[in-house]
PDB file of N, CA and C in Angstrom:
ATOM      1  N   UNK A   1       0.889  -1.128   0.065  1.00  0.00           N
ATOM      2  CA  UNK A   1       0.297  -0.633   0.383  1.00  0.00           C
ATOM      3  C   UNK A   1       1.003   1.455   0.157  1.00  0.00           C
ATOM      4  N   UNK A   2       0.429   2.071  -0.330  1.00  0.00           N
ATOM      5  CA  UNK A   2       0.995   3.423   0.039  1.00  0.00           C
ATOM      6  C   UNK A   2       0.749   4.458   0.819  1.00  0.00           C
ATOM      7  N   UNK A   3       1.581   5.186   1.383  1.00  0.00           N
ATOM      8  CA  UNK A   3       1.567   6.047   1.992  1.00  0.00           C
ATOM      9  C   UNK A   3       0.468   6.653   2.685  1.00  0.00           C
ATOM     10  N   UNK A   4      -0.259   7.540   1.100  1.00  0.00           N
ATOM     11  CA  UNK A   4      -1.052   7.933   1.149  1.00  0.00           C
ATOM     12  C   UNK A   4      -2.228   7.108   1.690  1.00  0.00           C
ATOM     13  N   UNK A   5      -2.673   5.883   0.827  1.00  0.00           N
ATOM     14  CA  UNK A   5      -3.541   5.060   1.450  1.00  0.00           C
ATOM     15  C   UNK A   5      -3.721   4.644   3.118  1.00  0.00           C
ATOM     16  N   UNK A   6      -2.294   4.153   3.668  1.00  0.00           N
ATOM     17  CA  UNK A   6      -2.259   4.152   4.582  1.00  0.00           C
ATOM     18  C   UNK A   6      -2.788   5.127   5.637  1.00  0.00           C
ATOM     19  N   UNK A   7      -2.470   6.770   5.392  1.00  0.00           N
ATOM     20  CA  UNK A   7      -2.959   7.805   6.329  1.00  0.00           C
ATOM     21  C   UNK A   7      -4.056   7.725   6.590  1.00  0.00           C
ATOM     22  N   UNK A   8      -4.634   8.027   4.753  1.00  0.00           N
ATOM     23  CA  UNK A   8      -6.377   7.686   4.820  1.00  0.00           C
ATOM     24  C   UNK A   8      -6.753   6.419   5.703  1.00  0.00           C
ATOM     25  N   UNK A   9      -6.437   5.258   5.371  1.00  0.00           N
ATOM     26  CA  UNK A   9      -7.348   3.860   6.416  1.00  0.00           C
ATOM     27  C   UNK A   9      -6.591   4.247   7.667  1.00  0.00           C
ATOM     28  N   UNK A  10      -5.560   5.093   8.275  1.00  0.00           N
ATOM     29  CA  UNK A  10      -6.006   4.941   9.926  1.00  0.00           C
ATOM     30  C   UNK A  10      -6.815   6.060  10.128  1.00  0.00           C
ATOM     31  N   UNK A  11      -6.453   6.929   9.378  1.00  0.00           N
ATOM     32  CA  UNK A  11      -7.575   8.218   9.116  1.00  0.00           C
ATOM     33  C   UNK A  11      -8.774   8.093   9.837  1.00  0.00           C
ATOM     34  N   UNK A  12      -9.184   7.201   8.238  1.00  0.00           N
ATOM     35  CA  UNK A  12     -11.369   6.850   8.536  1.00  0.00           C
ATOM     36  C   UNK A  12     -11.250   5.681   9.527  1.00  0.00           C
ATOM     37  N   UNK A  13      -9.774   4.862  10.210  1.00  0.00           N
ATOM     38  CA  UNK A  13     -10.077   3.971  11.344  1.00  0.00           C
ATOM     39  C   UNK A  13     -11.048   4.756  12.750  1.00  0.00           C
ATOM     40  N   UNK A  14     -10.057   5.101  12.304  1.00  0.00           N
ATOM     41  CA  UNK A  14     -10.052   6.419  13.540  1.00  0.00           C
ATOM     42  C   UNK A  14     -11.451   6.799  14.152  1.00  0.00           C
ATOM     43  N   UNK A  15     -11.600   7.578  12.907  1.00  0.00           N
ATOM     44  CA  UNK A  15     -12.791   8.136  12.920  1.00  0.00           C
ATOM     45  C   UNK A  15     -14.224   7.341  12.771  1.00  0.00           C
ATOM     46  N   UNK A  16     -14.064   6.186  12.291  1.00  0.00           N
ATOM     47  CA  UNK A  16     -15.411   5.160  12.117  1.00  0.00           C
ATOM     48  C   UNK A  16     -15.418   4.465  13.410  1.00  0.00           C
ATOM     49  N   UNK A  17     -14.660   4.265  14.586  1.00  0.00           N
ATOM     50  CA  UNK A  17     -14.556   3.408  15.950  1.00  0.00           C
ATOM     51  C   UNK A  17     -14.590   4.216  16.809  1.00  0.00           C
ATOM     52  N   UNK A  18     -14.697   5.886  16.566  1.00  0.00           N
ATOM     53  CA  UNK A  18     -14.510   6.385  17.954  1.00  0.00           C
ATOM     54  C   UNK A  18     -15.510   7.556  17.456  1.00  0.00           C
ATOM     55  N   UNK A  19     -15.588   8.074  18.821  1.00  0.00           N
ATOM     56  CA  UNK A  19     -17.031   8.757  18.980  1.00  0.00           C
ATOM     57  C   UNK A  19     -16.259  10.511  18.999  1.00  0.00           C
ATOM     58  N   UNK A  20     -16.354  11.516  17.706  1.00  0.00           N
ATOM     59  CA  UNK A  20     -15.051  12.827  17.584  1.00  0.00           C
ATOM     60  C   UNK A  20     -15.483  13.384  19.113  1.00  0.00           C
ATOM     61  N   UNK A  21     -14.231  13.648  19.583  1.00  0.00           N
ATOM     62  CA  UNK A  21     -13.966  14.178  20.695  1.00  0.00           C
ATOM     63  C   UNK A  21     -13.004  15.017  20.374  1.00  0.00           C
ATOM     64  N   UNK A  22     -12.387  16.163  21.188  1.00  0.00           N
ATOM     65  CA  UNK A  22     -11.267  17.503  21.319  1.00  0.00           C
ATOM     66  C   UNK A  22     -10.450  16.416  21.254  1.00  0.00           C
ATOM     67  N   UNK A  23     -10.047  15.423  21.882  1.00  0.00           N
ATOM     68  CA  UNK A  23      -9.217  14.597  21.193  1.00  0.00           C
ATOM     69  C   UNK A  23      -8.388  13.792  20.948  1.00  0.00           C
ATOM     70  N   UNK A  24      -9.732  13.385  19.611  1.00  0.00           N
ATOM     71  CA  UNK A  24      -9.368  12.423  18.367  1.00  0.00           C
ATOM     72  C   UNK A  24      -8.746  14.049  17.041  1.00  0.00           C
ATOM     73  N   UNK A  25      -9.852  15.389  17.666  1.00  0.00           N
ATOM     74  CA  UNK A  25      -9.233  16.579  16.282  1.00  0.00           C
ATOM     75  C   UNK A  25      -8.016  16.902  16.777  1.00  0.00           C
ATOM     76  N   UNK A  26      -7.454  16.739  18.096  1.00  0.00           N
ATOM     77  CA  UNK A  26      -6.586  17.328  18.195  1.00  0.00           C
ATOM     78  C   UNK A  26      -5.405  16.187  17.475  1.00  0.00           C
ATOM     79  N   UNK A  27      -5.399  15.177  17.535  1.00  0.00           N
ATOM     80  CA  UNK A  27      -4.803  13.671  17.124  1.00  0.00           C
ATOM     81  C   UNK A  27      -4.184  14.101  15.801  1.00  0.00           C
ATOM     82  N   UNK A  28      -5.621  14.102  14.469  1.00  0.00           N
ATOM     83  CA  UNK A  28      -5.931  14.385  13.075  1.00  0.00           C
ATOM     84  C   UNK A  28      -5.248  15.747  12.647  1.00  0.00           C
ATOM     85  N   UNK A  29      -5.544  16.720  14.002  1.00  0.00           N
ATOM     86  CA  UNK A  29      -4.455  17.940  13.189  1.00  0.00           C
ATOM     87  C   UNK A  29      -3.014  17.799  13.436  1.00  0.00           C
ATOM     88  N   UNK A  30      -3.283  17.081  14.508  1.00  0.00           N
ATOM     89  CA  UNK A  30      -1.182  16.948  14.913  1.00  0.00           C
ATOM     90  C   UNK A  30      -0.531  15.767  13.518  1.00  0.00           C
ATOM     91  N   UNK A  31      -1.959  14.919  12.753  1.00  0.00           N
ATOM     92  CA  UNK A  31      -1.332  14.080  12.451  1.00  0.00           C
ATOM     93  C   UNK A  31      -0.918  14.783  10.573  1.00  0.00           C
ATOM     94  N   UNK A  32      -2.099  15.478  10.868  1.00  0.00           N
ATOM     95  CA  UNK A  32      -1.597  16.347   9.278  1.00  0.00           C
ATOM     96  C   UNK A  32      -0.658  17.455   9.590  1.00  0.00           C
ATOM     97  N   UNK A  33      -0.003  17.650  10.592  1.00  0.00           N
ATOM     98  CA  UNK A  33       1.339  18.216  10.252  1.00  0.00           C
ATOM     99  C   UNK A  33       2.211  18.076  10.499  1.00  0.00           C
ATOM    100  N   UNK A  34       2.104  16.559  11.017  1.00  0.00           N
ATOM    101  CA  UNK A  34       3.621  15.782  11.335  1.00  0.00           C
ATOM    102  C   UNK A  34       3.811  14.889   9.802  1.00  0.00           C
ATOM    103  N   UNK A  35       2.418  14.725   8.934  1.00  0.00           N
ATOM    104  CA  UNK A  35       2.471  13.882   8.143  1.00  0.00           C
ATOM    105  C   UNK A  35       2.405  13.864   6.884  1.00  0.00           C
ATOM    106  N   UNK A  36       1.556  14.544   6.928  1.00  0.00           N
ATOM    107  CA  UNK A  36       0.293  15.108   5.608  1.00  0.00           C
ATOM    108  C   UNK A  36       1.203  16.138   5.072  1.00  0.00           C
ATOM    109  N   UNK A  37       1.089  17.417   6.038  1.00  0.00           N
ATOM    110  CA  UNK A  37       2.121  18.896   5.266  1.00  0.00           C
ATOM    111  C   UNK A  37       3.326  17.940   4.615  1.00  0.00           C
ATOM    112  N   UNK A  38       4.720  17.342   6.380  1.00  0.00           N
ATOM    113  CA  UNK A  38       5.691  17.389   5.206  1.00  0.00           C
ATOM    114  C   UNK A  38       5.626  17.259   3.554  1.00  0.00           C
ATOM    115  N   UNK A  39       4.700  16.126   2.689  1.00  0.00           N
ATOM    116  CA  UNK A  39       4.753  15.400   1.583  1.00  0.00           C
ATOM    117  C   UNK A  39       3.952  16.289   0.535  1.00  0.00           C
ATOM    118  N   UNK A  40       3.021  17.128   0.928  1.00  0.00           N
ATOM    119  CA  UNK A  40       2.956  17.869   0.723  1.00  0.00           C
ATOM    120  C   UNK A  40       4.007  19.179   0.295  1.00  0.00           C
ATOM    121  N   UNK A  41       4.749  19.541   1.420  1.00  0.00           N
ATOM    122  CA  UNK A  41       5.580  20.405   1.054  1.00  0.00           C
ATOM    123  C   UNK A  41       6.910  20.354  -0.101  1.00  0.00           C
ATOM    124  N   UNK A  42       7.136  18.978  -0.277  1.00  0.00           N
ATOM    125  CA  UNK A  42       8.044  18.128  -0.741  1.00  0.00           C
ATOM    126  C   UNK A  42       7.162  18.132  -1.747  1.00  0.00           C
ATOM    127  N   UNK A  43       6.412  18.083  -2.340  1.00  0.00           N
ATOM    128  CA  UNK A  43       5.736  17.786  -3.955  1.00  0.00           C
ATOM    129  C   UNK A  43       5.382  19.447  -4.171  1.00  0.00           C
ATOM    130  N   UNK A  44       5.442  20.475  -3.464  1.00  0.00           N
ATOM    131  CA  UNK A  44       5.676  22.026  -3.681  1.00  0.00           C
ATOM    132  C   UNK A  44       6.640  22.602  -4.294  1.00  0.00           C
ATOM    133  N   UNK A  45       7.359  21.433  -3.400  1.00  0.00           N
ATOM    134  CA  UNK A  45       9.376  22.523  -4.158  1.00  0.00           C
ATOM    135  C   UNK A  45       9.269  21.404  -5.068  1.00  0.00           C
ATOM    136  N   UNK A  46       9.266  20.494  -5.612  1.00  0.00           N
ATOM    137  CA  UNK A  46       9.564  20.066  -6.708  1.00  0.00           C
ATOM    138  C   UNK A  46       8.708  21.198  -8.132  1.00  0.00           C
ATOM    139  N   UNK A  47       7.815  20.817  -7.361  1.00  0.00           N
ATOM    140  CA  UNK A  47       6.885  21.651  -8.988  1.00  0.00           C
ATOM    141  C   UNK A  47       7.425  22.939  -8.655  1.00  0.00           C
ATOM    142  N   UNK A  48       7.330  24.472  -8.187  1.00  0.00           N
ATOM    143  CA  UNK A  48       8.114  24.816  -8.146  1.00  0.00           C
ATOM    144  C   UNK A  48       9.124  25.067  -8.628  1.00  0.00           C
ATOM    145  N   UNK A  49      10.640  24.292  -8.270  1.00  0.00           N
ATOM    146  CA  UNK A  49      11.499  23.717  -8.803  1.00  0.00           C
ATOM    147  C   UNK A  49      11.673  24.238 -10.106  1.00  0.00           C
ATOM    148  N   UNK A  50      10.416  23.358 -10.258  1.00  0.00           N
ATOM    149  CA  UNK A  50      10.446  22.630 -11.980  1.00  0.00           C
ATOM    150  C   UNK A  50       9.919  24.004 -13.089  1.00  0.00           C
ATOM    151  N   UNK A  51       8.482  24.836 -12.599  1.00  0.00           N
ATOM    152  CA  UNK A  51       8.187  25.599 -13.443  1.00  0.00           C
ATOM    153  C   UNK A  51       9.439  26.715 -13.462  1.00  0.00           C
ATOM    154  N   UNK A  52      10.005  26.490 -12.402  1.00  0.00           N
ATOM    155  CA  UNK A  52      11.430  28.156 -12.226  1.00  0.00           C
ATOM    156  C   UNK A  52      11.954  28.142 -13.230  1.00  0.00           C
ATOM    157  N   UNK A  53      12.343  26.636 -13.380  1.00  0.00           N
ATOM    158  CA  UNK A  53      13.784  25.652 -14.706  1.00  0.00           C
ATOM    159  C   UNK A  53      13.221  26.816 -15.542  1.00  0.00           C
ATOM    160  N   UNK A  54      11.807  25.820 -16.377  1.00  0.00           N
ATOM    161  CA  UNK A  54      10.664  26.292 -17.548  1.00  0.00           C
ATOM    162  C   UNK A  54      10.426  27.513 -17.468  1.00  0.00           C
ATOM    163  N   UNK A  55      10.310  28.642 -16.770  1.00  0.00           N
ATOM    164  CA  UNK A  55      10.527  29.897 -16.800  1.00  0.00           C
ATOM    165  C   UNK A  55      11.439  30.903 -17.250  1.00  0.00           C
ATOM    166  N   UNK A  56      12.454  29.886 -17.552  1.00  0.00           N
ATOM    167  CA  UNK A  56      14.553  30.899 -18.424  1.00  0.00           C
ATOM    168  C   UNK A  56      13.683  30.564 -19.943  1.00  0.00           C
ATOM    169  N   UNK A  57      12.715  29.563 -20.388  1.00  0.00           N
ATOM    170  CA  UNK A  57      12.267  29.178 -22.345  1.00  0.00           C
ATOM    171  C   UNK A  57      11.369  29.911 -22.577  1.00  0.00           C
ATOM    172  N   UNK A  58       9.884  30.344 -21.629  1.00  0.00           N
ATOM    173  CA  UNK A  58       8.843  31.441 -21.669  1.00  0.00           C
ATOM    174  C   UNK A  58       9.297  32.663 -22.113  1.00  0.00           C
ATOM    175  N   UNK A  59       8.777  33.860 -22.316  1.00  0.00           N
ATOM    176  CA  UNK A  59       8.160  35.379 -22.302  1.00  0.00           C
ATOM    177  C   UNK A  59       7.080  35.932 -22.130  1.00  0.00           C
ATOM    178  N   UNK A  60       6.488  36.792 -21.849  1.00  0.00           N
ATOM    179  CA  UNK A  60       5.506  37.536 -21.144  1.00  0.00           C
ATOM    180  C   UNK A  60       4.849  36.833 -20.121  1.00  0.00           C
ATOM    181  N   UNK A  61       4.011  37.226 -20.214  1.00  0.00           N
ATOM    182  CA  UNK A  61       2.533  36.624 -19.432  1.00  0.00           C
ATOM    183  C   UNK A  61       3.045  34.910 -18.643  1.00  0.00           C
ATOM    184  N   UNK A  62       3.489  33.963 -20.255  1.00  0.00           N
ATOM    185  CA  UNK A  62       3.354  32.633 -19.499  1.00  0.00           C
ATOM    186  C   UNK A  62       5.234  32.632 -18.509  1.00  0.00           C
ATOM    187  N   UNK A  63       6.219  33.771 -18.476  1.00  0.00           N
ATOM    188  CA  UNK A  63       7.609  33.339 -17.965  1.00  0.00           C
ATOM    189  C   UNK A  63       6.985  34.291 -16.741  1.00  0.00           C
ATOM    190  N   UNK A  64       5.640  35.348 -16.341  1.00  0.00           N
ATOM    191  CA  UNK A  64       5.850  35.340 -15.182  1.00  0.00           C
ATOM    192  C   UNK A  64       5.092  34.665 -14.113  1.00  0.00           C
ATOM    193  N   UNK A  65       4.004  33.751 -15.081  1.00  0.00           N
ATOM    194  CA  UNK A  65       3.327  33.195 -14.202  1.00  0.00           C
ATOM    195  C   UNK A  65       4.168  31.645 -13.874  1.00  0.00           C
ATOM    196  N   UNK A  66       4.906  31.462 -14.822  1.00  0.00           N
ATOM    197  CA  UNK A  66       6.062  30.617 -14.070  1.00  0.00           C
ATOM    198  C   UNK A  66       6.948  30.820 -13.491  1.00  0.00           C
ATOM    199  N   UNK A  67       7.237  31.829 -12.938  1.00  0.00           N
ATOM    200  CA  UNK A  67       8.815  32.261 -12.503  1.00  0.00           C
ATOM    201  C   UNK A  67       7.904  33.133 -11.010  1.00  0.00           C
ATOM    202  N   UNK A  68       6.786  33.967 -11.236  1.00  0.00           N
ATOM    203  CA  UNK A  68       7.180  34.652  -9.554  1.00  0.00           C
ATOM    204  C   UNK A  68       4.866  33.464  -8.884  1.00  0.00           C
ATOM    205  N   UNK A  69       3.882  33.521 -10.394  1.00  0.00           N
ATOM    206  CA  UNK A  69       2.852  33.420 -10.215  1.00  0.00           C
ATOM    207  C   UNK A  69       2.465  32.235  -9.133  1.00  0.00           C
ATOM    208  N   UNK A  70       2.588  30.796 -10.301  1.00  0.00           N
ATOM    209  CA  UNK A  70       2.499  29.444  -9.466  1.00  0.00           C
ATOM    210  C   UNK A  70       3.704  29.570  -8.050  1.00  0.00           C
ATOM    211  N   UNK A  71       4.802  29.882  -7.971  1.00  0.00           N
ATOM    212  CA  UNK A  71       5.284  29.366  -7.205  1.00  0.00           C
ATOM    213  C   UNK A  71       4.756  30.334  -5.210  1.00  0.00           C
ATOM    214  N   UNK A  72       4.869  31.801  -6.175  1.00  0.00           N
ATOM    215  CA  UNK A  72       4.040  31.833  -5.226  1.00  0.00           C
ATOM    216  C   UNK A  72       2.576  31.612  -4.392  1.00  0.00           C
ATOM    217  N   UNK A  73       1.825  31.802  -5.295  1.00  0.00           N
ATOM    218  CA  UNK A  73       0.488  30.824  -4.764  1.00  0.00           C
ATOM    219  C   UNK A  73       1.035  29.182  -4.312  1.00  0.00           C
ATOM    220  N   UNK A  74       1.848  28.527  -4.866  1.00  0.00           N
ATOM    221  CA  UNK A  74       2.130  27.421  -4.206  1.00  0.00           C
ATOM    222  C   UNK A  74       2.719  27.545  -2.881  1.00  0.00           C
ATOM    223  N   UNK A  75       3.858  27.482  -2.965  1.00  0.00           N
ATOM    224  CA  UNK A  75       4.992  28.101  -2.033  1.00  0.00           C
ATOM    225  C   UNK A  75       3.767  28.902  -0.240  1.00  0.00           C
ATOM    226  N   UNK A  76       2.674  30.024  -1.268  1.00  0.00           N
ATOM    227  CA  UNK A  76       2.699  31.063  -0.207  1.00  0.00           C
ATOM    228  C   UNK A  76       0.509  30.038   1.183  1.00  0.00           C
ATOM    229  N   UNK A  77       0.221  29.276  -0.014  1.00  0.00           N
ATOM    230  CA  UNK A  77      -0.994  28.695   0.195  1.00  0.00           C
ATOM    231  C   UNK A  77       0.409  27.149   1.601  1.00  0.00           C
ATOM    232  N   UNK A  78       0.766  26.673   1.039  1.00  0.00           N
ATOM    233  CA  UNK A  78       1.490  25.586   2.203  1.00  0.00           C
ATOM    234  C   UNK A  78       2.261  26.819   3.442  1.00  0.00           C
ATOM    235  N   UNK A  79       2.978  27.538   3.053  1.00  0.00           N
ATOM    236  CA  UNK A  79       2.987  28.750   3.972  1.00  0.00           C
ATOM    237  C   UNK A  79       1.722  28.779   5.232  1.00  0.00           C
ATOM    238  N   UNK A  80       1.012  29.089   4.766  1.00  0.00           N
ATOM    239  CA  UNK A  80      -0.473  29.098   5.053  1.00  0.00           C
ATOM    240  C   UNK A  80      -1.134  27.660   5.460  1.00  0.00           C
ATOM    241  N   UNK A  81      -0.949  27.184   5.213  1.00  0.00           N
ATOM    242  CA  UNK A  81      -1.983  25.969   5.438  1.00  0.00           C
ATOM    243  C   UNK A  81      -0.678  25.391   6.986  1.00  0.00           C
ATOM    244  N   UNK A  82       1.127  25.177   6.797  1.00  0.00           N
ATOM    245  CA  UNK A  82       1.555  25.497   8.277  1.00  0.00           C
ATOM    246  C   UNK A  82       1.327  26.139   9.175  1.00  0.00           C
ATOM    247  N   UNK A  83       1.102  27.820   9.340  1.00  0.00           N
ATOM    248  CA  UNK A  83       0.639  28.359  10.502  1.00  0.00           C
ATOM    249  C   UNK A  83      -0.010  27.797  10.904  1.00  0.00           C
ATOM    250  N   UNK A  84      -1.373  28.153   9.919  1.00  0.00           N
ATOM    251  CA  UNK A  84      -3.214  27.954  10.648  1.00  0.00           C
ATOM    252  C   UNK A  84      -2.617  26.266  11.358  1.00  0.00           C
ATOM    253  N   UNK A  85      -2.359  24.954  10.838  1.00  0.00           N
ATOM    254  CA  UNK A  85      -2.450  23.942  12.101  1.00  0.00           C
ATOM    255  C   UNK A  85      -1.167  24.096  12.952  1.00  0.00           C
ATOM    256  N   UNK A  86       0.401  24.946  12.654  1.00  0.00           N
ATOM    257  CA  UNK A  86       0.502  24.923  14.565  1.00  0.00           C
ATOM    258  C   UNK A  86      -0.298  26.060  15.536  1.00  0.00           C
ATOM    259  N   UNK A  87      -0.784  26.560  14.490  1.00  0.00           N
ATOM    260  CA  UNK A  87      -1.403  27.793  15.798  1.00  0.00           C
ATOM    261  C   UNK A  87      -2.853  27.055  16.625  1.00  0.00           C
ATOM    262  N   UNK A  88      -3.002  25.950  15.996  1.00  0.00           N
ATOM    263  CA  UNK A  88      -4.277  25.189  16.092  1.00  0.00           C
ATOM    264  C   UNK A  88      -4.016  24.032  17.326  1.00  0.00           C
ATOM    265  N   UNK A  89      -2.932  23.946  16.595  1.00  0.00           N
ATOM    266  CA  UNK A  89      -2.304  22.831  17.833  1.00  0.00           C
ATOM    267  C   UNK A  89      -1.591  23.144  19.090  1.00  0.00           C
ATOM    268  N   UNK A  90      -0.919  24.591  18.905  1.00  0.00           N
ATOM    269  CA  UNK A  90       0.262  24.792  20.008  1.00  0.00           C
ATOM    270  C   UNK A  90      -1.469  26.150  20.987  1.00  0.00           C
ATOM    271  N   UNK A  91      -2.791  26.924  20.068  1.00  0.00           N
ATOM    272  CA  UNK A  91      -3.697  26.786  20.322  1.00  0.00           C
ATOM    273  C   UNK A  91      -4.316  25.947  21.691  1.00  0.00           C
ATOM    274  N   UNK A  92      -4.433  24.727  21.187  1.00  0.00           N
ATOM    275  CA  UNK A  92      -5.594  22.890  21.885  1.00  0.00           C
ATOM    276  C   UNK A  92      -4.700  22.978  22.795  1.00  0.00           C
ATOM    277  N   UNK A  93      -3.204  22.510  22.367  1.00  0.00           N
ATOM    278  CA  UNK A  93      -2.371  22.283  23.668  1.00  0.00           C
ATOM    279  C   UNK A  93      -2.147  23.751  24.816  1.00  0.00           C
ATOM    280  N   UNK A  94      -2.584  24.109  24.723  1.00  0.00           N
ATOM    281  CA  UNK A  94      -2.414  25.297  25.904  1.00  0.00           C
ATOM    282  C   UNK A  94      -3.657  25.507  27.159  1.00  0.00           C
ATOM    283  N   UNK A  95      -4.503  25.220  26.026  1.00  0.00           N
ATOM    284  CA  UNK A  95      -5.996  25.101  26.419  1.00  0.00           C
ATOM    285  C   UNK A  95      -6.997  23.876  27.122  1.00  0.00           C
ATOM    286  N   UNK A  96      -5.946  22.416  26.304  1.00  0.00           N
ATOM    287  CA  UNK A  96      -5.135  20.926  27.286  1.00  0.00           C
ATOM    288  C   UNK A  96      -5.015  21.196  28.512  1.00  0.00           C
ATOM    289  N   UNK A  97      -4.541  21.870  28.651  1.00  0.00           N
ATOM    290  CA  UNK A  97      -2.840  22.230  29.632  1.00  0.00           C
ATOM    291  C   UNK A  97      -3.753  22.561  31.209  1.00  0.00           C
ATOM    292  N   UNK A  98      -4.733  23.503  30.129  1.00  0.00           N
ATOM    293  CA  UNK A  98      -4.966  24.659  31.753  1.00  0.00           C
ATOM    294  C   UNK A  98      -6.215  23.924  32.597  1.00  0.00           C
TER     295      UNK A  98
END
């Protein structure tokens, strides 16, 4: 099985076998941060590297798209997801500790 199938299967198993409470939500958020996000970042880095390399052969708006727009969208989107997950984990950990 692929890693994604394993991850999806484990999330589905937890969701179907357990009542969804705060502890489950925290565990899934942590798994997204620890496992899924790094995979998405690696994929995004490869995509950004590829389009930036291809931008050397482009001209006009296609050059702008490949050199600036797509990399900014991918990197910015992944950065935003990372920040949201990190803040969520930190906030729920501080609430749970109280």
